[in-house]
Amino acid sequence: MGYSLKVRNIVKDVKVKGKTKRLLDNVSFDISEHEFVALVGVSGAGKTTLLNVLSGYDSYSNGEVYINDLAISSNMDYYMNKMSYVPQREVLHNHLTLERALYYSASLRIANASSEEIKRKVKKVIRELDLQGKENTFIKNLSGGERKRASIATELLTKPDIMFLDEPTSGLDSNIEKKLMITLRELANQGKTVVITAHTLANLYLCDKIIFMSEGGKICFIGTYEESLKYFQVKEFVDIYEKLKDPSQIEKYQKKYNEKELLNIEKRRKINHKKQKKISRLKEIYFLTKRYSEIIMNNKVFCFLLFFQAIIMGFAIIIVAKDDWLKVYDTAKILLFAFSCAAMWLGLFNSVQEIVKEKDIIKLEYFNNMRLSSYVVSKLLVFAFLSLVQALLFLGIISLKVGMPVSGIIFSSAFVEYIFCFFLVSFSSSMLGMLISAVVKTTEITLIITPIYMMFQLLFSGILVSLHGIGDTISHFIIGRYAIESFGITTNLIEVLKNTSLGGIIDPITTTGMFIDEAEQYYLYTLSHMNQIILILVFTICLFMVLSILAIKYNIKKSY
């Protein structure tokens, strides 16, 4: 069965600095099944915008797109599984090999397929797109043409019936460009409907149909390569661009090809179909988590930094600390403050750029039915593991020199309890970092937000200055406060203060009263107090997870 497209009176308007700008102006045309079609035109003609509308990757203001005479807006759930979209910018993970990238893509999209079946599909599509010998090459090390073909291979894994490709030949040398165009021609011959946007013109004769667009999103010509030369009365295709610089010519050609009325072809009828089966949520989380872990492990520099920071922080502390620092109130507070800073910084570093740098990949995979909740949970699981390992490294090094209490208030070992508290604080910061990454538009913004975040954590943790009024109120919404409290309770700072005072180390007349008030406010040594802090941090983790999902979804919808 083939799939045809009918486009009727499509209008796309956007707001630019408060003014309405028209990107597509009453676009109407037909594409028959099994055709290879190119959208061409000057820069700013709306080629990519039109391709995004046809594929359902973007919204539109008016009109309708039909596939096999049925409105796509009413049947998107069904047709989404028949279509594939390859954006101009390759959206593949650079730190996966070609074979692994294709394996994960297939695993996340194809339900009820065994590992062996998926591997066979991957080998087949690699062979079809002439990528043999590149299976174990990282995506970042592939040439431009190979990355283009890898992106196409990702979509071919699910055997789509309609393919949309944005500038698949841009940046390629003439030989590779021709090979890729021949490949797309062959896909159409095999029964697929293929629509591309193109700037390069040398191999457009391979297309069944060329749709020429002009500035303002207007259709000026639809026909074959040979017909276009005759119609515009030029010897070379590139001369058409010069000819259509005249606004009157644009208007003339648009009127000729713009249909006056929207055809009555079942605009709102919805077909009955079985819902496309997705892979199970657990399986989806498993493959997303495994893929993310592999990406981190393959990114040697980033992986090194993740763990080296914890190690270097630990060694820096034991250089300046003494073995009795946790036994004296003043120095214990300094050391626990260092614990808190390390936990918050490491957690934030783990995650603050993870969503924003993958925003294009997330949108494409969401378009291909990935659950955003599964994506966020997969990140959460990896962040949890990283936070635990970093806690073990950091505190393990410090324990080599600094004497720690024998027991905590929850665990029989204070060392284990320190690790548990460090893990919760770091994990909370990771989830806040993920939320920040889900909200911002660029990675550069995270570099601005990070020091501001740390400044707020330090100022309102209650460790540097005494907080009153609005400052105390703000501190209840700061992770740093609960970090200090959890470490202080485990250390039993109230008892440390009493022993410090008895030892004559601090002036009992001028300072003990102030310190006792502070200790009783923050470090009350009770199980209920510690449980309250744990619940707050766990709630924080869950809250940031939900908000991250909502933020990612909002940004995706906003980009449509």
Protein backbone atom coordinates (compact mmCIF):
# COMPACT_ATOMS: atom_id res chain seq x y z
CA MET A 1 0.00 0.00 0.00
CA GLY A 2 1.31 3.44 -0.96
CA TYR A 3 0.70 6.80 0.67
CA SER A 4 -0.16 10.01 -1.12
CA LEU A 5 -0.30 13.56 0.31
CA LYS A 6 -2.74 16.34 -0.45
CA VAL A 7 -1.89 19.78 0.91
CA ARG A 8 -4.73 22.30 0.92
CA ASN A 9 -4.46 26.02 1.67
CA ILE A 10 -1.80 25.69 4.37
CA VAL A 11 -1.03 28.94 6.18
CA LYS A 12 1.67 29.30 8.82
CA ASP A 13 1.93 32.55 10.82
CA VAL A 14 4.33 33.34 13.64
CA LYS A 15 4.84 36.29 15.96
CA VAL A 16 8.13 38.16 15.49
CA LYS A 17 8.69 41.12 17.84
CA GLY A 18 4.96 41.50 18.30
CA LYS A 19 4.20 41.44 14.58
CA THR A 20 2.69 38.61 12.56
CA LYS A 21 4.97 37.12 9.92
CA ARG A 22 3.63 34.71 7.28
CA LEU A 23 5.93 31.77 6.64
CA LEU A 24 3.56 29.74 4.43
CA ASP A 25 0.97 31.46 2.23
CA ASN A 26 -1.97 29.31 1.06
CA VAL A 27 0.19 26.37 0.01
CA SER A 28 -1.63 23.66 -1.98
CA PHE A 29 -0.32 20.71 -3.99
CA ASP A 30 -0.51 16.92 -4.37
CA ILE A 31 2.16 14.25 -3.97
CA SER A 32 1.33 10.82 -5.37
CA GLU A 33 2.32 7.57 -3.72
CA HIS A 34 5.87 6.32 -4.34
CA GLU A 35 7.04 9.76 -5.56
CA PHE A 36 10.40 11.35 -4.87
CA VAL A 37 9.72 15.07 -4.39
CA ALA A 38 12.05 18.02 -3.74
CA LEU A 39 11.10 21.35 -2.16
CA VAL A 40 13.44 24.02 -3.56
CA GLY A 41 13.66 27.80 -3.48
CA VAL A 42 15.54 30.78 -2.15
CA SER A 43 16.60 31.09 1.47
CA GLY A 44 13.63 32.10 3.62
CA ALA A 45 11.11 30.61 1.21
CA GLY A 46 9.72 28.31 3.90
CA LYS A 47 11.02 24.96 2.66
CA THR A 48 11.94 23.59 6.08
CA THR A 49 8.77 25.06 7.61
CA LEU A 50 6.65 23.31 4.97
CA LEU A 51 8.52 20.02 5.45
CA ASN A 52 7.94 20.22 9.21
CA VAL A 53 4.23 20.84 8.65
CA LEU A 54 3.91 17.91 6.24
CA SER A 55 5.59 15.56 8.68
CA GLY A 56 3.54 16.71 11.68
CA TYR A 57 6.77 17.94 13.30
CA ASP A 58 5.38 21.48 13.36
CA SER A 59 1.94 23.09 13.61
CA TYR A 60 0.20 25.41 11.16
CA SER A 61 -2.38 28.19 11.35
CA ASN A 62 -4.89 27.24 8.67
CA GLY A 63 -5.61 24.63 6.01
CA GLU A 64 -5.13 20.88 6.16
CA VAL A 65 -2.72 18.11 5.19
CA TYR A 66 -4.20 14.81 4.05
CA ILE A 67 -2.60 11.41 3.74
CA ASN A 68 -4.61 9.08 1.52
CA ASP A 69 -7.53 11.57 1.68
CA LEU A 70 -7.65 11.57 5.48
CA ALA A 71 -6.79 14.64 7.56
CA ILE A 72 -3.50 14.19 9.37
CA SER A 73 -4.66 16.43 12.23
CA SER A 74 -7.38 13.92 13.11
CA ASN A 75 -5.25 10.81 12.62
CA MET A 76 -1.76 11.80 13.78
CA ASP A 77 -1.44 8.88 16.19
CA TYR A 78 -1.90 6.45 13.33
CA TYR A 79 0.19 8.19 10.68
CA MET A 80 3.03 9.04 13.05
CA ASN A 81 4.03 5.39 12.88
CA LYS A 82 4.00 5.47 9.07
CA MET A 83 6.27 8.51 8.77
CA SER A 84 9.86 9.35 9.55
CA TYR A 85 11.57 12.72 9.80
CA VAL A 86 15.29 13.40 9.32
CA PRO A 87 16.18 17.00 10.35
CA GLN A 88 18.96 18.95 8.66
CA ARG A 89 21.10 18.79 11.76
CA GLU A 90 22.02 15.22 12.66
CA VAL A 91 20.50 14.36 16.02
CA LEU A 92 22.57 11.35 16.99
CA HIS A 93 24.60 10.83 20.14
CA ASN A 94 28.22 11.61 19.27
CA HIS A 95 29.66 9.26 21.89
CA LEU A 96 27.97 6.13 20.58
CA THR A 97 29.32 4.02 17.76
CA LEU A 98 27.20 3.79 14.62
CA GLU A 99 26.12 0.24 15.41
CA ARG A 100 25.19 1.01 19.02
CA ALA A 101 23.33 4.21 18.07
CA LEU A 102 21.22 2.25 15.57
CA TYR A 103 20.76 -0.60 18.04
CA TYR A 104 19.34 1.69 20.73
CA SER A 105 17.11 3.51 18.24
CA ALA A 106 15.64 0.22 17.07
CA SER A 107 15.26 -1.11 20.61
CA LEU A 108 13.31 1.99 21.66
CA ARG A 109 11.00 2.00 18.64
CA ILE A 110 10.31 -1.63 17.75
CA ALA A 111 8.06 -3.52 20.15
CA ASN A 112 8.31 -7.28 20.68
CA ALA A 113 11.61 -7.62 18.82
CA SER A 114 14.40 -9.77 20.23
CA SER A 115 17.96 -8.54 20.51
CA GLU A 116 18.98 -10.79 17.61
CA GLU A 117 16.19 -9.46 15.39
CA ILE A 118 17.25 -5.90 16.11
CA LYS A 119 20.89 -6.68 15.33
CA ARG A 120 19.84 -8.19 12.00
CA LYS A 121 17.83 -5.05 11.16
CA VAL A 122 20.80 -2.87 12.06
CA LYS A 123 23.17 -4.86 9.84
CA LYS A 124 20.69 -4.73 6.98
CA VAL A 125 20.20 -0.97 7.09
CA ILE A 126 23.96 -0.40 7.39
CA ARG A 127 24.41 -2.49 4.26
CA GLU A 128 21.58 -0.70 2.41
CA LEU A 129 23.13 2.72 3.06
CA ASP A 130 26.68 1.64 2.26
CA LEU A 131 28.03 2.16 5.77
CA GLN A 132 29.87 -1.14 6.08
CA GLY A 133 33.15 -0.84 7.94
CA LYS A 134 31.87 2.07 10.06
CA GLU A 135 29.96 -0.04 12.59
CA ASN A 136 32.45 0.61 15.41
CA THR A 137 33.17 4.24 14.54
CA PHE A 138 31.84 6.89 16.90
CA ILE A 139 29.20 9.13 15.36
CA LYS A 140 31.40 12.18 16.01
CA ASN A 141 34.15 10.63 13.86
CA LEU A 142 31.95 9.93 10.82
CA SER A 143 32.18 12.20 7.81
CA GLY A 144 29.35 14.57 6.95
CA GLY A 145 27.94 12.21 4.34
CA GLU A 146 28.19 9.24 6.67
CA ARG A 147 26.36 11.11 9.44
CA LYS A 148 23.60 12.01 6.98
CA ARG A 149 23.25 8.38 5.99
CA ALA A 150 23.38 7.33 9.64
CA SER A 151 20.43 9.65 10.37
CA ILE A 152 18.51 8.12 7.46
CA ALA A 153 19.45 4.63 8.66
CA THR A 154 17.96 5.45 12.07
CA GLU A 155 14.59 6.16 10.44
CA LEU A 156 14.72 3.20 8.03
CA LEU A 157 14.91 0.80 10.96
CA THR A 158 11.15 1.09 11.46
CA LYS A 159 10.39 0.73 7.72
CA PRO A 160 8.46 4.01 7.31
CA ASP A 161 6.18 4.47 4.31
CA ILE A 162 6.70 8.23 4.07
CA MET A 163 10.09 9.89 4.59
CA PHE A 164 10.75 13.60 5.12
CA LEU A 165 14.37 14.77 4.94
CA ASP A 166 15.55 18.33 5.54
CA GLU A 167 18.60 19.21 3.43
CA PRO A 168 19.96 15.64 3.29
CA THR A 169 22.65 16.65 0.76
CA SER A 170 23.87 19.89 2.35
CA GLY A 171 27.58 20.04 3.01
CA LEU A 172 28.37 16.92 0.97
CA ASP A 173 30.82 16.66 -1.89
CA SER A 174 29.34 16.08 -5.34
CA ASN A 175 30.12 12.36 -5.43
CA ILE A 176 28.54 11.56 -2.05
CA GLU A 177 25.61 13.84 -2.82
CA LYS A 178 24.83 11.93 -5.98
CA LYS A 179 25.08 8.58 -4.19
CA LEU A 180 22.68 9.78 -1.49
CA MET A 181 20.19 11.10 -4.05
CA ILE A 182 20.34 7.78 -5.90
CA THR A 183 19.68 6.00 -2.58
CA LEU A 184 16.59 8.17 -1.99
CA ARG A 185 15.46 7.51 -5.56
CA GLU A 186 15.75 3.78 -4.92
CA LEU A 187 13.72 4.10 -1.71
CA ALA A 188 10.91 5.70 -3.70
CA ASN A 189 11.18 2.91 -6.27
CA GLN A 190 10.77 0.43 -3.42
CA GLY A 191 7.37 1.92 -2.56
CA LYS A 192 8.17 4.77 -0.17
CA THR A 193 7.05 8.37 -0.59
CA VAL A 194 10.14 10.58 -0.17
CA VAL A 195 10.05 14.36 0.31
CA ILE A 196 13.23 16.43 0.74
CA THR A 197 14.29 20.06 0.88
CA ALA A 198 17.30 20.94 -1.26
CA HIS A 199 19.72 23.80 -1.95
CA THR A 200 22.00 21.90 -4.29
CA LEU A 201 20.49 21.41 -7.71
CA ALA A 202 22.77 19.07 -9.66
CA ASN A 203 20.81 15.85 -9.11
CA LEU A 204 17.23 17.08 -8.98
CA TYR A 205 16.56 15.32 -12.29
CA LEU A 206 16.24 12.16 -10.18
CA CYS A 207 13.06 13.55 -8.56
CA ASP A 208 9.59 12.84 -9.88
CA LYS A 209 8.44 16.29 -8.92
CA ILE A 210 9.97 19.62 -7.95
CA ILE A 211 8.03 22.17 -5.89
CA PHE A 212 9.54 25.64 -6.32
CA MET A 213 8.91 28.07 -3.45
CA SER A 214 9.58 31.78 -3.33
CA GLU A 215 10.01 34.29 -0.52
CA GLY A 216 6.99 34.45 1.78
CA GLY A 217 6.16 30.76 1.54
CA LYS A 218 4.48 30.90 -1.87
CA ILE A 219 4.31 28.05 -4.38
CA CYS A 220 5.43 29.16 -7.85
CA PHE A 221 5.93 25.94 -9.76
CA ILE A 222 5.22 22.23 -9.51
CA GLY A 223 6.48 19.75 -12.09
CA THR A 224 9.43 17.74 -13.34
CA TYR A 225 12.97 19.01 -13.79
CA GLU A 226 12.56 19.26 -17.57
CA GLU A 227 9.18 20.96 -17.25
CA SER A 228 10.64 23.61 -14.96
CA LEU A 229 13.24 24.62 -17.55
CA LYS A 230 10.59 24.97 -20.25
CA TYR A 231 8.12 26.73 -18.01
CA PHE A 232 10.52 29.40 -16.82
CA GLN A 233 12.21 29.54 -20.23
CA VAL A 234 15.73 29.06 -18.91
CA LYS A 235 18.60 26.82 -19.95
CA GLU A 236 19.88 26.10 -16.43
CA PHE A 237 17.85 25.44 -13.30
CA VAL A 238 19.79 27.97 -11.23
CA ASP A 239 18.54 30.79 -13.49
CA ILE A 240 15.04 30.30 -12.09
CA TYR A 241 16.19 31.85 -8.83
CA GLU A 242 17.13 35.08 -10.59
CA LYS A 243 13.91 35.16 -12.56
CA LEU A 244 11.74 34.98 -9.47
CA LYS A 245 13.28 37.99 -7.76
CA ASP A 246 10.56 40.08 -9.41
CA PRO A 247 7.57 40.26 -6.98
CA SER A 248 5.11 40.46 -9.87
CA GLN A 249 6.44 37.17 -11.24
CA ILE A 250 6.06 35.55 -7.83
CA GLU A 251 2.43 36.67 -7.66
CA LYS A 252 1.76 35.42 -11.19
CA TYR A 253 3.10 31.93 -10.55
CA GLN A 254 1.48 31.67 -7.15
CA LYS A 255 -1.96 32.40 -8.54
CA LYS A 256 -1.54 29.76 -11.19
CA TYR A 257 -0.79 27.00 -8.72
CA ASN A 258 -2.78 28.10 -5.70
CA GLU A 259 -6.12 26.32 -5.51
CA LYS A 260 -9.03 28.65 -4.75
CA GLU A 261 -11.08 26.37 -2.52
CA LEU A 262 -10.30 23.70 0.01
CA LEU A 263 -11.39 20.38 -1.48
CA ASN A 264 -14.00 18.46 0.44
CA ILE A 265 -12.11 15.23 1.11
CA GLU A 266 -13.21 13.95 4.49
CA LYS A 267 -11.62 16.74 6.49
CA ARG A 268 -12.68 15.54 9.91
CA ARG A 269 -13.20 11.82 9.45
CA LYS A 270 -11.11 9.74 11.78
CA ILE A 271 -10.19 6.22 10.82
CA ASN A 272 -10.56 3.31 13.19
CA HIS A 273 -7.27 1.60 13.77
CA LYS A 274 -5.49 -0.46 16.33
CA LYS A 275 -3.29 1.65 18.52
CA GLN A 276 0.35 1.23 17.57
CA LYS A 277 2.02 -0.86 20.22
CA LYS A 278 4.88 0.78 22.06
CA ILE A 279 7.61 -1.01 23.89
CA SER A 280 6.81 -1.41 27.57
CA ARG A 281 7.68 1.42 29.93
CA LEU A 282 10.17 -0.72 31.88
CA LYS A 283 11.89 -1.82 28.69
CA GLU A 284 12.02 1.78 27.49
CA ILE A 285 13.58 2.95 30.77
CA TYR A 286 16.06 0.06 30.60
CA PHE A 287 17.32 0.92 27.10
CA LEU A 288 17.39 4.68 27.76
CA THR A 289 19.36 4.13 30.98
CA LYS A 290 21.74 1.72 29.30
CA ARG A 291 22.26 4.09 26.38
CA TYR A 292 22.93 7.08 28.64
CA SER A 293 25.38 5.07 30.74
CA GLU A 294 27.23 4.00 27.60
CA ILE A 295 27.37 7.59 26.34
CA ILE A 296 28.98 8.73 29.60
CA MET A 297 31.48 5.86 29.61
CA ASN A 298 32.46 6.59 26.00
CA ASN A 299 32.95 10.29 26.75
CA LYS A 300 36.28 9.79 28.50
CA VAL A 301 36.92 13.44 29.40
CA PHE A 302 33.49 14.00 30.95
CA CYS A 303 33.60 10.64 32.74
CA PHE A 304 37.02 11.51 34.16
CA LEU A 305 35.76 14.90 35.40
CA LEU A 306 32.70 13.34 37.06
CA PHE A 307 34.84 11.28 39.39
CA PHE A 308 38.09 13.29 39.48
CA GLN A 309 36.30 16.27 41.02
CA ALA A 310 35.15 14.17 43.98
CA ILE A 311 38.66 12.79 44.44
CA ILE A 312 40.45 16.15 44.23
CA MET A 313 37.94 17.76 46.61
CA GLY A 314 38.50 14.98 49.11
CA PHE A 315 42.29 15.31 48.98
CA ALA A 316 42.09 19.12 49.22
CA ILE A 317 40.15 18.81 52.48
CA ILE A 318 42.48 16.30 54.12
CA ILE A 319 45.45 18.57 53.29
CA VAL A 320 44.04 21.35 55.49
CA ALA A 321 41.94 19.37 57.98
CA LYS A 322 43.12 17.80 61.24
CA ASP A 323 42.05 14.46 62.61
CA ASP A 324 39.99 16.04 65.43
CA TRP A 325 38.02 18.56 63.32
CA LEU A 326 34.70 16.76 63.85
CA LYS A 327 35.24 16.85 67.61
CA VAL A 328 35.36 20.67 67.89
CA TYR A 329 32.21 22.68 67.17
CA ASP A 330 33.77 25.48 65.09
CA THR A 331 35.92 23.24 62.89
CA ALA A 332 33.16 20.62 62.63
CA LYS A 333 30.87 23.28 61.13
CA ILE A 334 33.58 24.22 58.63
CA LEU A 335 34.07 20.61 57.61
CA LEU A 336 30.34 19.89 57.29
CA PHE A 337 29.98 23.06 55.25
CA ALA A 338 32.63 21.67 52.90
CA PHE A 339 30.68 18.38 52.72
CA SER A 340 27.55 20.30 51.77
CA CYS A 341 29.27 22.43 49.12
CA ALA A 342 30.88 19.38 47.55
CA ALA A 343 27.60 17.44 47.45
CA MET A 344 25.66 20.34 45.90
CA TRP A 345 28.35 21.17 43.35
CA LEU A 346 28.91 17.59 42.23
CA GLY A 347 25.19 16.97 41.89
CA LEU A 348 24.70 20.13 39.85
CA PHE A 349 27.69 19.36 37.61
CA ASN A 350 26.25 15.91 36.85
CA SER A 351 23.09 17.26 35.27
CA VAL A 352 22.94 20.99 34.55
CA GLN A 353 23.62 20.63 30.81
CA GLU A 354 22.15 17.21 30.13
CA ILE A 355 18.70 18.20 28.85
CA VAL A 356 19.50 21.40 26.96
CA LYS A 357 22.29 19.78 24.96
CA GLU A 358 19.95 16.96 23.88
CA LYS A 359 16.86 19.08 23.16
CA ASP A 360 16.84 18.27 19.43
CA ILE A 361 17.23 14.55 20.11
CA ILE A 362 14.47 14.65 22.74
CA LYS A 363 12.04 16.36 20.35
CA LEU A 364 12.73 13.85 17.57
CA GLU A 365 12.43 10.84 19.87
CA TYR A 366 9.25 12.25 21.42
CA PHE A 367 7.95 12.60 17.85
CA ASN A 368 8.76 8.90 17.52
CA ASN A 369 6.63 7.99 20.57
CA MET A 370 9.24 8.07 23.35
CA ARG A 371 7.68 8.72 26.76
CA LEU A 372 9.19 11.80 28.39
CA SER A 373 8.69 10.24 31.82
CA SER A 374 10.86 7.27 30.79
CA TYR A 375 13.54 9.62 29.49
CA VAL A 376 13.66 11.61 32.74
CA VAL A 377 13.62 8.47 34.91
CA SER A 378 16.55 7.06 32.92
CA LYS A 379 18.53 10.23 33.67
CA LEU A 380 17.44 10.05 37.32
CA LEU A 381 18.78 6.50 37.69
CA VAL A 382 22.17 7.43 36.26
CA PHE A 383 22.38 10.57 38.40
CA ALA A 384 21.61 8.45 41.47
CA PHE A 385 24.46 6.07 40.65
CA LEU A 386 26.89 8.93 40.01
CA SER A 387 25.92 10.64 43.28
CA LEU A 388 26.50 7.43 45.23
CA VAL A 389 29.92 6.76 43.69
CA GLN A 390 30.98 10.38 44.22
CA ALA A 391 29.87 10.19 47.87
CA LEU A 392 31.95 7.04 48.39
CA LEU A 393 35.03 8.58 46.77
CA PHE A 394 34.80 11.94 48.54
CA LEU A 395 34.03 10.69 52.04
CA GLY A 396 36.25 7.63 51.69
CA ILE A 397 39.27 9.87 51.11
CA ILE A 398 38.36 12.20 53.99
CA SER A 399 37.93 9.28 56.39
CA LEU A 400 41.59 8.39 55.83
CA LYS A 401 42.58 11.35 58.02
CA VAL A 402 39.57 12.83 59.80
CA GLY A 403 38.20 10.88 62.73
CA MET A 404 34.45 10.29 62.37
CA PRO A 405 31.79 9.54 64.99
CA VAL A 406 31.24 5.86 65.72
CA SER A 407 27.50 5.75 65.03
CA GLY A 408 24.81 7.83 63.37
CA ILE A 409 21.21 8.38 64.35
CA ILE A 410 19.79 6.04 61.65
CA PHE A 411 22.67 3.71 60.80
CA SER A 412 25.00 2.02 63.23
CA SER A 413 27.91 3.46 61.23
CA ALA A 414 28.26 7.24 61.04
CA PHE A 415 30.37 6.83 57.90
CA VAL A 416 27.49 5.04 56.14
CA GLU A 417 25.12 7.76 57.33
CA TYR A 418 27.41 10.49 55.98
CA ILE A 419 27.39 8.71 52.60
CA PHE A 420 23.59 8.44 52.72
CA CYS A 421 23.18 12.16 53.50
CA PHE A 422 25.76 13.15 50.87
CA PHE A 423 23.93 11.00 48.32
CA LEU A 424 20.55 12.60 49.06
CA VAL A 425 21.93 16.14 48.88
CA SER A 426 23.89 15.47 45.70
CA PHE A 427 20.93 13.67 44.10
CA SER A 428 18.61 16.57 44.98
CA SER A 429 21.03 19.01 43.37
CA SER A 430 21.23 16.78 40.29
CA MET A 431 17.47 16.89 39.91
CA LEU A 432 17.45 20.66 40.36
CA GLY A 433 20.22 20.85 37.74
CA MET A 434 18.09 18.78 35.38
CA LEU A 435 15.16 21.15 35.90
CA ILE A 436 17.40 24.13 35.13
CA SER A 437 18.65 22.32 32.01
CA ALA A 438 15.06 21.61 30.93
CA VAL A 439 14.06 25.28 31.27
CA VAL A 440 16.98 27.13 29.65
CA LYS A 441 17.47 27.47 25.89
CA THR A 442 21.26 27.18 25.60
CA THR A 443 24.14 25.56 27.46
CA GLU A 444 25.74 29.00 27.88
CA ILE A 445 22.90 30.10 30.16
CA THR A 446 23.65 27.23 32.54
CA LEU A 447 27.14 28.68 33.02
CA ILE A 448 25.53 31.90 34.27
CA ILE A 449 22.96 30.19 36.48
CA THR A 450 25.38 27.78 38.18
CA PRO A 451 27.37 30.34 40.25
CA ILE A 452 24.14 32.16 41.16
CA TYR A 453 22.69 28.85 42.37
CA MET A 454 25.75 28.11 44.48
CA MET A 455 25.74 31.64 45.96
CA PHE A 456 22.12 31.22 47.10
CA GLN A 457 22.92 27.82 48.59
CA LEU A 458 25.84 29.23 50.58
CA LEU A 459 24.13 32.40 51.77
CA PHE A 460 20.87 30.79 52.86
CA SER A 461 22.21 27.53 54.27
CA GLY A 462 22.45 29.18 57.70
CA ILE A 463 26.08 28.21 58.18
CA LEU A 464 27.80 31.48 57.22
CA VAL A 465 25.43 33.93 58.85
CA SER A 466 22.50 33.76 61.25
CA LEU A 467 19.22 34.00 59.33
CA HIS A 468 16.18 35.95 60.48
CA GLY A 469 12.93 37.09 58.89
CA ILE A 470 12.78 36.72 55.11
CA GLY A 471 16.23 35.12 55.06
CA ASP A 472 15.09 32.34 57.38
CA THR A 473 11.95 31.83 55.28
CA ILE A 474 14.00 31.51 52.08
CA SER A 475 16.33 29.01 53.75
CA HIS A 476 13.46 26.52 54.04
CA PHE A 477 13.49 26.27 50.23
CA ILE A 478 17.25 25.84 49.97
CA ILE A 479 18.90 22.43 49.64
CA GLY A 480 21.99 23.75 51.44
CA ARG A 481 20.07 24.17 54.70
CA TYR A 482 19.01 20.53 54.77
CA ALA A 483 22.50 19.43 53.76
CA ILE A 484 24.01 21.22 56.77
CA GLU A 485 21.28 19.93 59.09
CA SER A 486 21.61 16.29 58.00
CA PHE A 487 25.40 16.27 58.37
CA GLY A 488 25.12 18.16 61.68
CA ILE A 489 22.64 15.66 63.12
CA THR A 490 24.81 12.71 62.10
CA THR A 491 27.79 14.41 63.78
CA ASN A 492 25.60 15.22 66.85
CA LEU A 493 26.82 18.81 66.91
CA ILE A 494 24.91 19.57 70.11
CA GLU A 495 27.03 17.02 71.95
CA VAL A 496 30.16 18.28 70.15
CA LEU A 497 29.35 21.80 71.37
CA LYS A 498 28.99 20.64 74.95
CA ASN A 499 32.31 18.80 74.85
CA THR A 500 33.98 21.77 73.16
CA SER A 501 32.71 24.13 75.86
CA LEU A 502 33.80 21.83 78.67
CA GLY A 503 37.25 21.59 77.19
CA GLY A 504 37.68 25.34 77.41
CA ILE A 505 38.23 25.67 73.69
CA ILE A 506 35.58 28.39 73.35
CA ASP A 507 34.51 31.14 75.74
CA PRO A 508 31.47 29.73 77.56
CA ILE A 509 30.27 33.17 78.64
CA THR A 510 30.18 35.00 75.29
CA THR A 511 29.57 32.27 72.75
CA THR A 512 28.03 29.16 74.25
CA GLY A 513 24.52 30.59 74.51
CA MET A 514 24.53 31.71 70.90
CA PHE A 515 25.88 28.40 69.71
CA ILE A 516 23.37 26.40 71.75
CA ASP A 517 20.48 28.33 70.20
CA GLU A 518 21.92 27.69 66.75
CA ALA A 519 22.58 24.01 67.46
CA GLU A 520 19.09 23.40 68.79
CA GLN A 521 17.54 25.14 65.79
CA TYR A 522 19.48 23.25 63.11
CA TYR A 523 21.02 20.14 64.65
CA LEU A 524 18.46 18.76 67.07
CA TYR A 525 19.61 15.20 67.59
CA THR A 526 16.35 13.29 67.19
CA LEU A 527 15.24 10.60 64.76
CA SER A 528 12.11 12.55 63.86
CA HIS A 529 14.22 15.57 62.87
CA MET A 530 16.42 13.46 60.61
CA ASN A 531 13.40 11.72 59.07
CA GLN A 532 11.85 15.11 58.36
CA ILE A 533 14.96 16.20 56.46
CA ILE A 534 15.05 12.94 54.49
CA LEU A 535 11.39 13.33 53.51
CA ILE A 536 12.00 16.92 52.38
CA LEU A 537 14.94 15.89 50.19
CA VAL A 538 13.02 12.93 48.72
CA PHE A 539 10.05 15.21 48.04
CA THR A 540 12.43 17.68 46.40
CA ILE A 541 13.76 14.95 44.11
CA CYS A 542 10.24 13.89 43.09
CA LEU A 543 9.09 17.49 42.61
CA PHE A 544 12.02 18.39 40.38
CA MET A 545 11.49 15.21 38.37
CA VAL A 546 7.84 16.08 37.66
CA LEU A 547 8.66 19.72 36.89
CA SER A 548 11.43 18.60 34.52
CA ILE A 549 8.99 16.41 32.57
CA LEU A 550 6.50 19.28 32.33
CA ALA A 551 9.21 21.76 31.27
CA ILE A 552 10.52 19.45 28.55
CA LYS A 553 7.02 18.81 27.25
CA TYR A 554 6.19 22.52 27.29
CA ASN A 555 9.32 23.39 25.29
CA ILE A 556 8.59 20.68 22.74
CA LYS A 557 5.00 21.86 22.29
CA LYS A 558 6.17 25.47 22.11
CA SER A 559 8.56 24.62 19.27
CA TYR A 560 5.71 23.19 17.16
